Amino acid sequence: MTEPGAEPWLVVIDMQVVFAESGSPWATPGYAAIEPTVQRLVEHFGERVVFTRYVAPEHPTGAWVPYFELWPFALVPPDDRLYDLMPAFSGEARTVVTATTFGKWGDELASILGPDPTMVLVGVSTDCCVISTALAAADAGVAVRVVADGCAGLSEADHDRALAAMSLYGPLIEVVTSDQVLSRP
């Protein structure tokens, strides 16, 4: 894939307590396995990293009402520990986009990445927030690279299905490995 704009940005999707801790109803089983890969990529991208956080809406509306009837534990304020970034990613100088939607692509993230960006995606979960972000960004004309070994799904099968679905959007979305990303200049 040809780089459309400036240097690519790493967007780290929802590496939060709610998705990482094994006791959480939303724990992503593969979280621990991808954390070292995500850390290496964060170091590689330096200041060109944006973290995202999912938080529950204060007052769910529409289809979110029955959703949170299933998951009432998550109806806590955005500053609740549940929605904190995990310690490996909670540095003071982090750029963070917080949203009450699964997909994080929108005006705020677009303004950070600038015109004609290339967005490299890692995080959790492949089959929810990662795919939601990737598809919306690709639809907006953003070049997206999803790092397969830097993402985890609710199961290996769900992870693989989400990657397969995203790969159908080529060349807008490219599924790559962390080694491929790290070897690019």
N, C-alpha and C. Protein backbone atom coordinates (compact mmCIF):
# COMPACT_ATOMS: atom_id res chain seq x y z
N MET A 1 0.85 -1.18 0.00
CA MET A 1 0.00 0.00 0.00
C MET A 1 0.89 1.24 0.00
N THR A 2 0.57 2.18 -0.82
CA THR A 2 1.31 3.43 -0.89
C THR A 2 0.87 4.35 0.23
N GLU A 3 1.83 5.00 0.85
CA GLU A 3 1.52 5.94 1.92
C GLU A 3 0.91 7.20 1.32
N PRO A 4 -0.34 7.57 1.68
CA PRO A 4 -0.96 8.73 1.07
C PRO A 4 -0.48 10.06 1.62
N GLY A 5 -0.08 10.09 2.86
CA GLY A 5 0.28 11.37 3.47
C GLY A 5 1.61 11.30 4.16
N ALA A 6 1.69 11.98 5.25
CA ALA A 6 2.91 12.05 6.04
C ALA A 6 3.16 10.71 6.74
N GLU A 7 4.05 10.75 7.70
CA GLU A 7 4.36 9.56 8.49
C GLU A 7 3.08 8.96 9.07
N PRO A 8 2.99 7.63 9.14
CA PRO A 8 1.78 7.01 9.69
C PRO A 8 1.65 7.25 11.20
N TRP A 9 0.44 7.14 11.66
CA TRP A 9 0.11 7.25 13.08
C TRP A 9 -0.30 5.88 13.60
N LEU A 10 0.09 5.58 14.83
CA LEU A 10 -0.38 4.38 15.52
C LEU A 10 -1.59 4.78 16.36
N VAL A 11 -2.70 4.08 16.16
CA VAL A 11 -3.89 4.31 16.97
C VAL A 11 -4.12 3.04 17.78
N VAL A 12 -4.04 3.20 19.10
CA VAL A 12 -4.13 2.09 20.04
C VAL A 12 -5.55 2.06 20.60
N ILE A 13 -6.29 1.06 20.21
CA ILE A 13 -7.71 0.98 20.53
C ILE A 13 -7.94 0.29 21.88
N ASP A 14 -8.44 1.06 22.83
CA ASP A 14 -9.08 0.57 24.06
C ASP A 14 -8.28 -0.42 24.91
N MET A 15 -7.00 -0.14 25.09
CA MET A 15 -6.18 -0.98 25.97
C MET A 15 -6.45 -0.56 27.42
N GLN A 16 -7.64 -0.92 27.89
CA GLN A 16 -8.19 -0.45 29.15
C GLN A 16 -8.41 -1.59 30.13
N VAL A 17 -8.53 -1.20 31.40
CA VAL A 17 -8.77 -2.15 32.48
C VAL A 17 -9.98 -3.03 32.17
N VAL A 18 -11.07 -2.44 31.70
CA VAL A 18 -12.32 -3.17 31.46
C VAL A 18 -12.14 -4.31 30.45
N PHE A 19 -11.18 -4.18 29.55
CA PHE A 19 -10.96 -5.21 28.54
C PHE A 19 -9.76 -6.11 28.86
N ALA A 20 -9.00 -5.75 29.88
CA ALA A 20 -7.77 -6.48 30.18
C ALA A 20 -7.86 -7.38 31.41
N GLU A 21 -8.54 -6.94 32.45
CA GLU A 21 -8.55 -7.70 33.69
C GLU A 21 -9.47 -8.92 33.57
N SER A 22 -8.96 -10.05 33.98
CA SER A 22 -9.68 -11.31 33.80
C SER A 22 -11.03 -11.35 34.51
N GLY A 23 -11.23 -10.60 35.56
CA GLY A 23 -12.51 -10.60 36.26
C GLY A 23 -13.59 -9.75 35.61
N SER A 24 -13.23 -8.98 34.60
CA SER A 24 -14.20 -8.11 33.94
C SER A 24 -15.08 -8.91 32.99
N PRO A 25 -16.39 -8.62 33.00
CA PRO A 25 -17.28 -9.29 32.04
C PRO A 25 -16.90 -9.01 30.58
N TRP A 26 -16.15 -7.95 30.32
CA TRP A 26 -15.73 -7.62 28.97
C TRP A 26 -14.26 -7.97 28.71
N ALA A 27 -13.67 -8.79 29.53
CA ALA A 27 -12.25 -9.15 29.35
C ALA A 27 -12.05 -9.80 27.99
N THR A 28 -10.99 -9.37 27.31
CA THR A 28 -10.60 -9.94 26.01
C THR A 28 -9.53 -10.98 26.29
N PRO A 29 -9.82 -12.26 26.04
CA PRO A 29 -8.90 -13.33 26.42
C PRO A 29 -7.47 -13.16 25.91
N GLY A 30 -7.26 -12.61 24.74
CA GLY A 30 -5.92 -12.49 24.19
C GLY A 30 -5.20 -11.21 24.55
N TYR A 31 -5.78 -10.41 25.44
CA TYR A 31 -5.19 -9.10 25.78
C TYR A 31 -3.72 -9.24 26.20
N ALA A 32 -3.44 -10.10 27.17
CA ALA A 32 -2.08 -10.23 27.71
C ALA A 32 -1.07 -10.62 26.62
N ALA A 33 -1.49 -11.42 25.68
CA ALA A 33 -0.58 -11.87 24.63
C ALA A 33 -0.18 -10.73 23.69
N ILE A 34 -1.08 -9.74 23.47
CA ILE A 34 -0.74 -8.67 22.52
C ILE A 34 -0.09 -7.46 23.18
N GLU A 35 -0.18 -7.33 24.50
CA GLU A 35 0.35 -6.14 25.16
C GLU A 35 1.82 -5.88 24.84
N PRO A 36 2.72 -6.88 24.86
CA PRO A 36 4.13 -6.59 24.51
C PRO A 36 4.30 -6.09 23.07
N THR A 37 3.52 -6.63 22.15
CA THR A 37 3.59 -6.18 20.76
C THR A 37 3.14 -4.73 20.65
N VAL A 38 2.05 -4.42 21.32
CA VAL A 38 1.55 -3.04 21.31
C VAL A 38 2.58 -2.10 21.93
N GLN A 39 3.21 -2.51 23.02
CA GLN A 39 4.24 -1.69 23.65
C GLN A 39 5.40 -1.41 22.69
N ARG A 40 5.85 -2.44 21.95
CA ARG A 40 6.93 -2.25 20.98
C ARG A 40 6.53 -1.25 19.90
N LEU A 41 5.31 -1.35 19.43
CA LEU A 41 4.84 -0.43 18.41
C LEU A 41 4.71 0.99 18.95
N VAL A 42 4.25 1.14 20.17
CA VAL A 42 4.15 2.46 20.79
C VAL A 42 5.54 3.10 20.85
N GLU A 43 6.53 2.34 21.28
CA GLU A 43 7.90 2.86 21.33
C GLU A 43 8.38 3.24 19.93
N HIS A 44 8.10 2.42 18.95
CA HIS A 44 8.52 2.65 17.57
C HIS A 44 7.92 3.94 16.99
N PHE A 45 6.65 4.21 17.28
CA PHE A 45 5.97 5.37 16.71
C PHE A 45 6.24 6.66 17.49
N GLY A 46 6.79 6.56 18.68
CA GLY A 46 7.16 7.76 19.44
C GLY A 46 5.97 8.66 19.73
N GLU A 47 6.04 9.90 19.24
CA GLU A 47 4.98 10.87 19.52
C GLU A 47 3.79 10.74 18.58
N ARG A 48 3.89 9.88 17.59
CA ARG A 48 2.79 9.71 16.62
C ARG A 48 1.88 8.56 17.05
N VAL A 49 1.43 8.63 18.31
CA VAL A 49 0.56 7.60 18.89
C VAL A 49 -0.66 8.27 19.50
N VAL A 50 -1.82 7.70 19.23
CA VAL A 50 -3.06 8.13 19.85
C VAL A 50 -3.69 6.91 20.52
N PHE A 51 -4.06 7.07 21.76
CA PHE A 51 -4.79 6.02 22.48
C PHE A 51 -6.26 6.36 22.46
N THR A 52 -7.10 5.33 22.44
CA THR A 52 -8.53 5.57 22.55
C THR A 52 -9.06 4.87 23.79
N ARG A 53 -10.18 5.42 24.26
CA ARG A 53 -10.88 4.81 25.40
C ARG A 53 -12.36 4.75 25.07
N TYR A 54 -12.95 3.60 25.32
CA TYR A 54 -14.40 3.48 25.27
C TYR A 54 -14.91 3.81 26.67
N VAL A 55 -15.97 4.60 26.75
CA VAL A 55 -16.68 4.84 28.01
C VAL A 55 -18.17 4.74 27.74
N ALA A 56 -18.93 4.37 28.74
CA ALA A 56 -20.38 4.27 28.60
C ALA A 56 -20.97 5.68 28.54
N PRO A 57 -22.05 5.83 27.78
CA PRO A 57 -22.73 7.13 27.77
C PRO A 57 -23.38 7.37 29.13
N GLU A 58 -23.45 8.63 29.53
CA GLU A 58 -24.07 8.95 30.82
C GLU A 58 -25.54 8.54 30.84
N HIS A 59 -26.22 8.79 29.73
CA HIS A 59 -27.63 8.44 29.60
C HIS A 59 -27.82 7.70 28.28
N PRO A 60 -27.76 6.37 28.31
CA PRO A 60 -27.91 5.61 27.07
C PRO A 60 -29.25 5.92 26.40
N THR A 61 -29.21 5.97 25.07
CA THR A 61 -30.42 6.18 24.29
C THR A 61 -30.48 5.15 23.17
N GLY A 62 -31.64 5.03 22.55
CA GLY A 62 -31.80 4.14 21.42
C GLY A 62 -31.41 2.71 21.74
N ALA A 63 -30.67 2.10 20.84
CA ALA A 63 -30.26 0.70 21.00
C ALA A 63 -29.29 0.50 22.16
N TRP A 64 -28.70 1.58 22.65
CA TRP A 64 -27.80 1.46 23.81
C TRP A 64 -28.57 1.13 25.08
N VAL A 65 -29.86 1.44 25.15
CA VAL A 65 -30.65 1.14 26.36
C VAL A 65 -30.68 -0.36 26.62
N PRO A 66 -31.15 -1.19 25.68
CA PRO A 66 -31.13 -2.63 25.95
C PRO A 66 -29.71 -3.20 26.05
N TYR A 67 -28.76 -2.59 25.36
CA TYR A 67 -27.38 -3.04 25.47
C TYR A 67 -26.90 -2.94 26.91
N PHE A 68 -27.12 -1.78 27.53
CA PHE A 68 -26.65 -1.61 28.90
C PHE A 68 -27.55 -2.28 29.93
N GLU A 69 -28.73 -2.72 29.53
CA GLU A 69 -29.52 -3.59 30.41
C GLU A 69 -28.80 -4.93 30.55
N LEU A 70 -28.10 -5.34 29.50
CA LEU A 70 -27.29 -6.57 29.56
C LEU A 70 -25.98 -6.37 30.30
N TRP A 71 -25.45 -5.15 30.29
CA TRP A 71 -24.12 -4.86 30.85
C TRP A 71 -24.18 -3.69 31.84
N PRO A 72 -25.00 -3.76 32.88
CA PRO A 72 -25.14 -2.60 33.80
C PRO A 72 -23.85 -2.28 34.57
N PHE A 73 -22.94 -3.24 34.72
CA PHE A 73 -21.69 -2.99 35.43
C PHE A 73 -20.90 -1.86 34.78
N ALA A 74 -21.11 -1.65 33.48
CA ALA A 74 -20.31 -0.68 32.73
C ALA A 74 -20.86 0.74 32.83
N LEU A 75 -22.01 0.91 33.42
CA LEU A 75 -22.60 2.26 33.54
C LEU A 75 -21.98 2.99 34.72
N VAL A 76 -20.73 3.35 34.54
CA VAL A 76 -19.99 4.10 35.55
C VAL A 76 -19.44 5.35 34.87
N PRO A 77 -19.05 6.37 35.65
CA PRO A 77 -18.52 7.59 35.05
C PRO A 77 -17.22 7.33 34.26
N PRO A 78 -16.93 8.19 33.30
CA PRO A 78 -15.72 8.02 32.47
C PRO A 78 -14.42 7.97 33.25
N ASP A 79 -14.40 8.58 34.45
CA ASP A 79 -13.17 8.58 35.24
C ASP A 79 -13.08 7.39 36.19
N ASP A 80 -14.02 6.46 36.11
CA ASP A 80 -13.96 5.24 36.91
C ASP A 80 -12.74 4.42 36.49
N ARG A 81 -12.12 3.76 37.43
CA ARG A 81 -10.93 2.93 37.17
C ARG A 81 -11.17 1.92 36.05
N LEU A 82 -12.38 1.45 35.90
CA LEU A 82 -12.73 0.48 34.87
C LEU A 82 -12.32 0.96 33.49
N TYR A 83 -12.42 2.27 33.25
CA TYR A 83 -12.14 2.83 31.93
C TYR A 83 -10.72 3.40 31.81
N ASP A 84 -9.89 3.21 32.83
CA ASP A 84 -8.50 3.66 32.75
C ASP A 84 -7.74 2.85 31.71
N LEU A 85 -6.75 3.50 31.08
CA LEU A 85 -5.80 2.75 30.28
C LEU A 85 -5.02 1.84 31.22
N MET A 86 -4.59 0.71 30.73
CA MET A 86 -3.78 -0.19 31.54
C MET A 86 -2.46 0.49 31.90
N PRO A 87 -1.85 0.11 33.03
CA PRO A 87 -0.63 0.78 33.49
C PRO A 87 0.47 0.91 32.44
N ALA A 88 0.63 -0.07 31.57
CA ALA A 88 1.67 0.00 30.55
C ALA A 88 1.45 1.17 29.59
N PHE A 89 0.23 1.72 29.56
CA PHE A 89 -0.11 2.76 28.59
C PHE A 89 -0.65 4.04 29.21
N SER A 90 -0.52 4.19 30.49
CA SER A 90 -1.16 5.32 31.16
C SER A 90 -0.23 6.48 31.43
N GLY A 91 0.77 6.69 30.59
CA GLY A 91 1.72 7.79 30.76
C GLY A 91 1.06 9.16 30.70
N GLU A 92 1.66 10.10 31.35
CA GLU A 92 1.13 11.47 31.45
C GLU A 92 0.99 12.17 30.10
N ALA A 93 1.92 11.95 29.19
CA ALA A 93 1.96 12.72 27.95
C ALA A 93 1.20 12.05 26.81
N ARG A 94 0.28 11.19 27.11
CA ARG A 94 -0.46 10.46 26.08
C ARG A 94 -1.55 11.32 25.45
N THR A 95 -1.71 11.18 24.14
CA THR A 95 -2.86 11.75 23.45
C THR A 95 -3.95 10.70 23.49
N VAL A 96 -5.12 11.08 24.03
CA VAL A 96 -6.20 10.12 24.23
C VAL A 96 -7.50 10.67 23.65
N VAL A 97 -8.17 9.83 22.87
CA VAL A 97 -9.50 10.13 22.36
C VAL A 97 -10.47 9.24 23.11
N THR A 98 -11.46 9.84 23.75
CA THR A 98 -12.46 9.10 24.50
C THR A 98 -13.79 9.21 23.78
N ALA A 99 -14.47 8.08 23.62
CA ALA A 99 -15.74 8.07 22.89
C ALA A 99 -16.72 7.09 23.53
N THR A 100 -18.00 7.39 23.34
CA THR A 100 -19.06 6.51 23.83
C THR A 100 -19.55 5.59 22.72
N THR A 101 -18.73 5.42 21.69
CA THR A 101 -19.05 4.55 20.57
C THR A 101 -17.94 3.52 20.39
N PHE A 102 -18.29 2.40 19.79
CA PHE A 102 -17.29 1.37 19.53
C PHE A 102 -16.24 1.89 18.56
N GLY A 103 -16.68 2.48 17.47
CA GLY A 103 -15.76 3.05 16.50
C GLY A 103 -15.22 4.36 17.01
N LYS A 104 -13.94 4.57 16.84
CA LYS A 104 -13.30 5.80 17.34
C LYS A 104 -12.99 6.80 16.23
N TRP A 105 -13.23 6.43 14.96
CA TRP A 105 -12.97 7.37 13.88
C TRP A 105 -14.04 8.45 13.92
N GLY A 106 -13.61 9.69 13.90
CA GLY A 106 -14.51 10.83 13.91
C GLY A 106 -13.69 12.10 13.83
N ASP A 107 -14.34 13.23 14.03
CA ASP A 107 -13.69 14.53 13.89
C ASP A 107 -12.46 14.68 14.79
N GLU A 108 -12.56 14.22 16.04
CA GLU A 108 -11.43 14.40 16.96
C GLU A 108 -10.20 13.64 16.49
N LEU A 109 -10.36 12.37 16.17
CA LEU A 109 -9.22 11.58 15.71
C LEU A 109 -8.72 12.10 14.37
N ALA A 110 -9.62 12.47 13.48
CA ALA A 110 -9.22 13.01 12.17
C ALA A 110 -8.39 14.28 12.32
N SER A 111 -8.76 15.13 13.26
CA SER A 111 -8.01 16.38 13.43
C SER A 111 -6.61 16.12 13.99
N ILE A 112 -6.45 15.09 14.78
CA ILE A 112 -5.12 14.75 15.32
C ILE A 112 -4.24 14.18 14.22
N LEU A 113 -4.78 13.30 13.40
CA LEU A 113 -4.00 12.63 12.37
C LEU A 113 -3.70 13.52 11.17
N GLY A 114 -4.51 14.53 10.93
CA GLY A 114 -4.26 15.46 9.84
C GLY A 114 -4.75 14.93 8.50
N PRO A 115 -4.46 15.69 7.42
CA PRO A 115 -4.96 15.31 6.10
C PRO A 115 -4.25 14.09 5.53
N ASP A 116 -5.00 13.28 4.83
CA ASP A 116 -4.48 12.10 4.13
C ASP A 116 -3.61 11.20 5.01
N PRO A 117 -4.09 10.83 6.19
CA PRO A 117 -3.25 10.03 7.08
C PRO A 117 -3.20 8.55 6.70
N THR A 118 -2.19 7.90 7.21
CA THR A 118 -2.16 6.44 7.27
C THR A 118 -2.28 6.10 8.75
N MET A 119 -3.25 5.25 9.06
CA MET A 119 -3.53 4.88 10.44
C MET A 119 -3.18 3.40 10.61
N VAL A 120 -2.31 3.11 11.58
CA VAL A 120 -1.96 1.75 11.93
C VAL A 120 -2.74 1.43 13.20
N LEU A 121 -3.57 0.38 13.15
CA LEU A 121 -4.45 0.04 14.27
C LEU A 121 -3.96 -1.19 15.02
N VAL A 122 -4.00 -1.07 16.36
CA VAL A 122 -3.77 -2.20 17.26
C VAL A 122 -4.78 -2.07 18.39
N GLY A 123 -4.99 -3.16 19.14
CA GLY A 123 -5.82 -3.07 20.32
C GLY A 123 -6.91 -4.12 20.38
N VAL A 124 -7.93 -3.79 21.16
CA VAL A 124 -9.03 -4.72 21.42
C VAL A 124 -10.37 -4.02 21.22
N SER A 125 -11.34 -4.77 20.95
CA SER A 125 -11.22 -6.10 20.40
C SER A 125 -11.35 -6.04 18.89
N THR A 126 -10.65 -6.95 18.24
CA THR A 126 -10.61 -6.97 16.78
C THR A 126 -12.03 -6.98 16.21
N ASP A 127 -12.90 -7.75 16.84
CA ASP A 127 -14.25 -7.98 16.33
C ASP A 127 -15.28 -6.98 16.85
N CYS A 128 -14.83 -5.88 17.44
CA CYS A 128 -15.76 -4.85 17.89
C CYS A 128 -15.17 -3.47 17.60
N CYS A 129 -14.41 -2.94 18.52
CA CYS A 129 -13.92 -1.55 18.39
C CYS A 129 -12.87 -1.37 17.30
N VAL A 130 -12.04 -2.37 17.06
CA VAL A 130 -11.03 -2.25 16.00
C VAL A 130 -11.71 -2.23 14.64
N ILE A 131 -12.57 -3.19 14.38
CA ILE A 131 -13.23 -3.25 13.08
C ILE A 131 -14.14 -2.03 12.87
N SER A 132 -14.82 -1.59 13.92
CA SER A 132 -15.68 -0.41 13.81
C SER A 132 -14.88 0.83 13.44
N THR A 133 -13.71 0.97 14.02
CA THR A 133 -12.83 2.11 13.71
C THR A 133 -12.26 1.99 12.30
N ALA A 134 -11.78 0.80 11.97
CA ALA A 134 -11.15 0.60 10.66
C ALA A 134 -12.13 0.86 9.51
N LEU A 135 -13.33 0.35 9.61
CA LEU A 135 -14.29 0.51 8.51
C LEU A 135 -14.71 1.96 8.34
N ALA A 136 -14.96 2.65 9.44
CA ALA A 136 -15.36 4.07 9.34
C ALA A 136 -14.22 4.91 8.77
N ALA A 137 -12.99 4.65 9.19
CA ALA A 137 -11.85 5.41 8.68
C ALA A 137 -11.64 5.13 7.20
N ALA A 138 -11.69 3.87 6.82
CA ALA A 138 -11.52 3.52 5.41
C ALA A 138 -12.60 4.17 4.56
N ASP A 139 -13.82 4.19 5.07
CA ASP A 139 -14.93 4.81 4.35
C ASP A 139 -14.69 6.31 4.16
N ALA A 140 -13.93 6.91 5.07
CA ALA A 140 -13.59 8.33 4.98
C ALA A 140 -12.35 8.56 4.10
N GLY A 141 -11.78 7.49 3.56
CA GLY A 141 -10.63 7.62 2.67
C GLY A 141 -9.28 7.50 3.35
N VAL A 142 -9.27 7.05 4.59
CA VAL A 142 -8.02 6.89 5.33
C VAL A 142 -7.38 5.54 4.96
N ALA A 143 -6.09 5.54 4.73
CA ALA A 143 -5.36 4.29 4.54
C ALA A 143 -5.18 3.66 5.91
N VAL A 144 -5.65 2.42 6.07
CA VAL A 144 -5.64 1.74 7.36
C VAL A 144 -4.82 0.47 7.25
N ARG A 145 -3.91 0.29 8.21
CA ARG A 145 -3.19 -0.98 8.36
C ARG A 145 -3.56 -1.55 9.72
N VAL A 146 -4.13 -2.73 9.72
CA VAL A 146 -4.51 -3.41 10.96
C VAL A 146 -3.42 -4.44 11.26
N VAL A 147 -2.82 -4.32 12.44
CA VAL A 147 -1.73 -5.22 12.83
C VAL A 147 -2.34 -6.47 13.46
N ALA A 148 -2.35 -7.56 12.72
CA ALA A 148 -3.02 -8.78 13.16
C ALA A 148 -2.52 -9.27 14.52
N ASP A 149 -1.20 -9.28 14.72
CA ASP A 149 -0.65 -9.77 15.98
C ASP A 149 -0.61 -8.70 17.07
N GLY A 150 -1.17 -7.53 16.77
CA GLY A 150 -1.31 -6.45 17.76
C GLY A 150 -2.76 -6.24 18.14
N CYS A 151 -3.62 -7.16 17.74
CA CYS A 151 -5.04 -7.09 18.07
C CYS A 151 -5.48 -8.42 18.67
N ALA A 152 -6.53 -8.37 19.48
CA ALA A 152 -7.10 -9.59 20.05
C ALA A 152 -8.62 -9.47 20.02
N GLY A 153 -9.26 -10.61 19.76
CA GLY A 153 -10.71 -10.65 19.73
C GLY A 153 -11.26 -11.43 20.91
N LEU A 154 -12.58 -11.55 20.92
CA LEU A 154 -13.21 -12.29 22.02
C LEU A 154 -12.91 -13.77 21.95
N SER A 155 -12.51 -14.23 20.77
CA SER A 155 -11.99 -15.59 20.59
C SER A 155 -11.07 -15.53 19.39
N GLU A 156 -10.27 -16.56 19.20
CA GLU A 156 -9.39 -16.61 18.04
C GLU A 156 -10.22 -16.62 16.76
N ALA A 157 -11.33 -17.36 16.77
CA ALA A 157 -12.20 -17.42 15.59
C ALA A 157 -12.80 -16.05 15.28
N ASP A 158 -13.25 -15.33 16.31
CA ASP A 158 -13.81 -13.99 16.10
C ASP A 158 -12.74 -13.04 15.57
N HIS A 159 -11.54 -13.12 16.12
CA HIS A 159 -10.41 -12.31 15.66
C HIS A 159 -10.15 -12.58 14.17
N ASP A 160 -10.06 -13.86 13.81
CA ASP A 160 -9.78 -14.22 12.42
C ASP A 160 -10.89 -13.77 11.48
N ARG A 161 -12.15 -13.91 11.91
CA ARG A 161 -13.28 -13.48 11.06
C ARG A 161 -13.24 -11.97 10.84
N ALA A 162 -12.93 -11.22 11.89
CA ALA A 162 -12.87 -9.75 11.76
C ALA A 162 -11.73 -9.35 10.82
N LEU A 163 -10.57 -10.00 10.96
CA LEU A 163 -9.45 -9.70 10.05
C LEU A 163 -9.83 -10.02 8.61
N ALA A 164 -10.51 -11.15 8.41
CA ALA A 164 -10.92 -11.54 7.06
C ALA A 164 -11.89 -10.51 6.49
N ALA A 165 -12.83 -10.05 7.29
CA ALA A 165 -13.79 -9.04 6.82
C ALA A 165 -13.07 -7.75 6.46
N MET A 166 -12.14 -7.31 7.30
CA MET A 166 -11.42 -6.07 7.01
C MET A 166 -10.56 -6.21 5.75
N SER A 167 -9.99 -7.38 5.54
CA SER A 167 -9.14 -7.56 4.36
C SER A 167 -9.94 -7.44 3.06
N LEU A 168 -11.24 -7.62 3.12
CA LEU A 168 -12.09 -7.44 1.94
C LEU A 168 -12.12 -5.99 1.48
N TYR A 169 -11.71 -5.07 2.32
CA TYR A 169 -11.73 -3.64 2.01
C TYR A 169 -10.43 -3.16 1.37
N GLY A 170 -9.54 -4.09 1.03
CA GLY A 170 -8.30 -3.70 0.38
C GLY A 170 -8.57 -2.98 -0.92
N PRO A 171 -7.76 -2.03 -1.29
CA PRO A 171 -6.52 -1.61 -0.63
C PRO A 171 -6.72 -0.55 0.45
N LEU A 172 -7.99 -0.20 0.76
CA LEU A 172 -8.21 0.80 1.82
C LEU A 172 -7.73 0.28 3.16
N ILE A 173 -7.96 -1.00 3.43
CA ILE A 173 -7.49 -1.63 4.66
C ILE A 173 -6.54 -2.75 4.29
N GLU A 174 -5.41 -2.76 4.96
CA GLU A 174 -4.40 -3.80 4.76
C GLU A 174 -4.15 -4.47 6.10
N VAL A 175 -4.23 -5.79 6.15
CA VAL A 175 -3.91 -6.54 7.36
C VAL A 175 -2.44 -6.91 7.27
N VAL A 176 -1.68 -6.51 8.31
CA VAL A 176 -0.22 -6.69 8.33
C VAL A 176 0.20 -7.31 9.65
N THR A 177 1.49 -7.59 9.77
CA THR A 177 2.07 -8.05 11.04
C THR A 177 2.88 -6.92 11.66
N SER A 178 3.17 -7.07 12.93
CA SER A 178 4.01 -6.07 13.60
C SER A 178 5.40 -6.04 12.98
N ASP A 179 5.93 -7.18 12.57
CA ASP A 179 7.25 -7.19 11.93
C ASP A 179 7.24 -6.37 10.64
N GLN A 180 6.18 -6.45 9.87
CA GLN A 180 6.08 -5.65 8.65
C GLN A 180 6.06 -4.16 8.97
N VAL A 181 5.33 -3.78 10.01
CA VAL A 181 5.27 -2.37 10.40
C VAL A 181 6.62 -1.89 10.89
N LEU A 182 7.27 -2.68 11.73
CA LEU A 182 8.54 -2.29 12.32
C LEU A 182 9.67 -2.25 11.29
N SER A 183 9.53 -2.98 10.20
CA SER A 183 10.60 -3.00 9.19
C SER A 183 10.46 -1.89 8.16
N ARG A 184 9.32 -1.18 8.16
CA ARG A 184 9.14 -0.08 7.21
C ARG A 184 9.86 1.15 7.72
N PRO A 185 10.46 1.92 6.79
CA PRO A 185 11.20 3.12 7.22
C PRO A 185 10.28 4.17 7.81
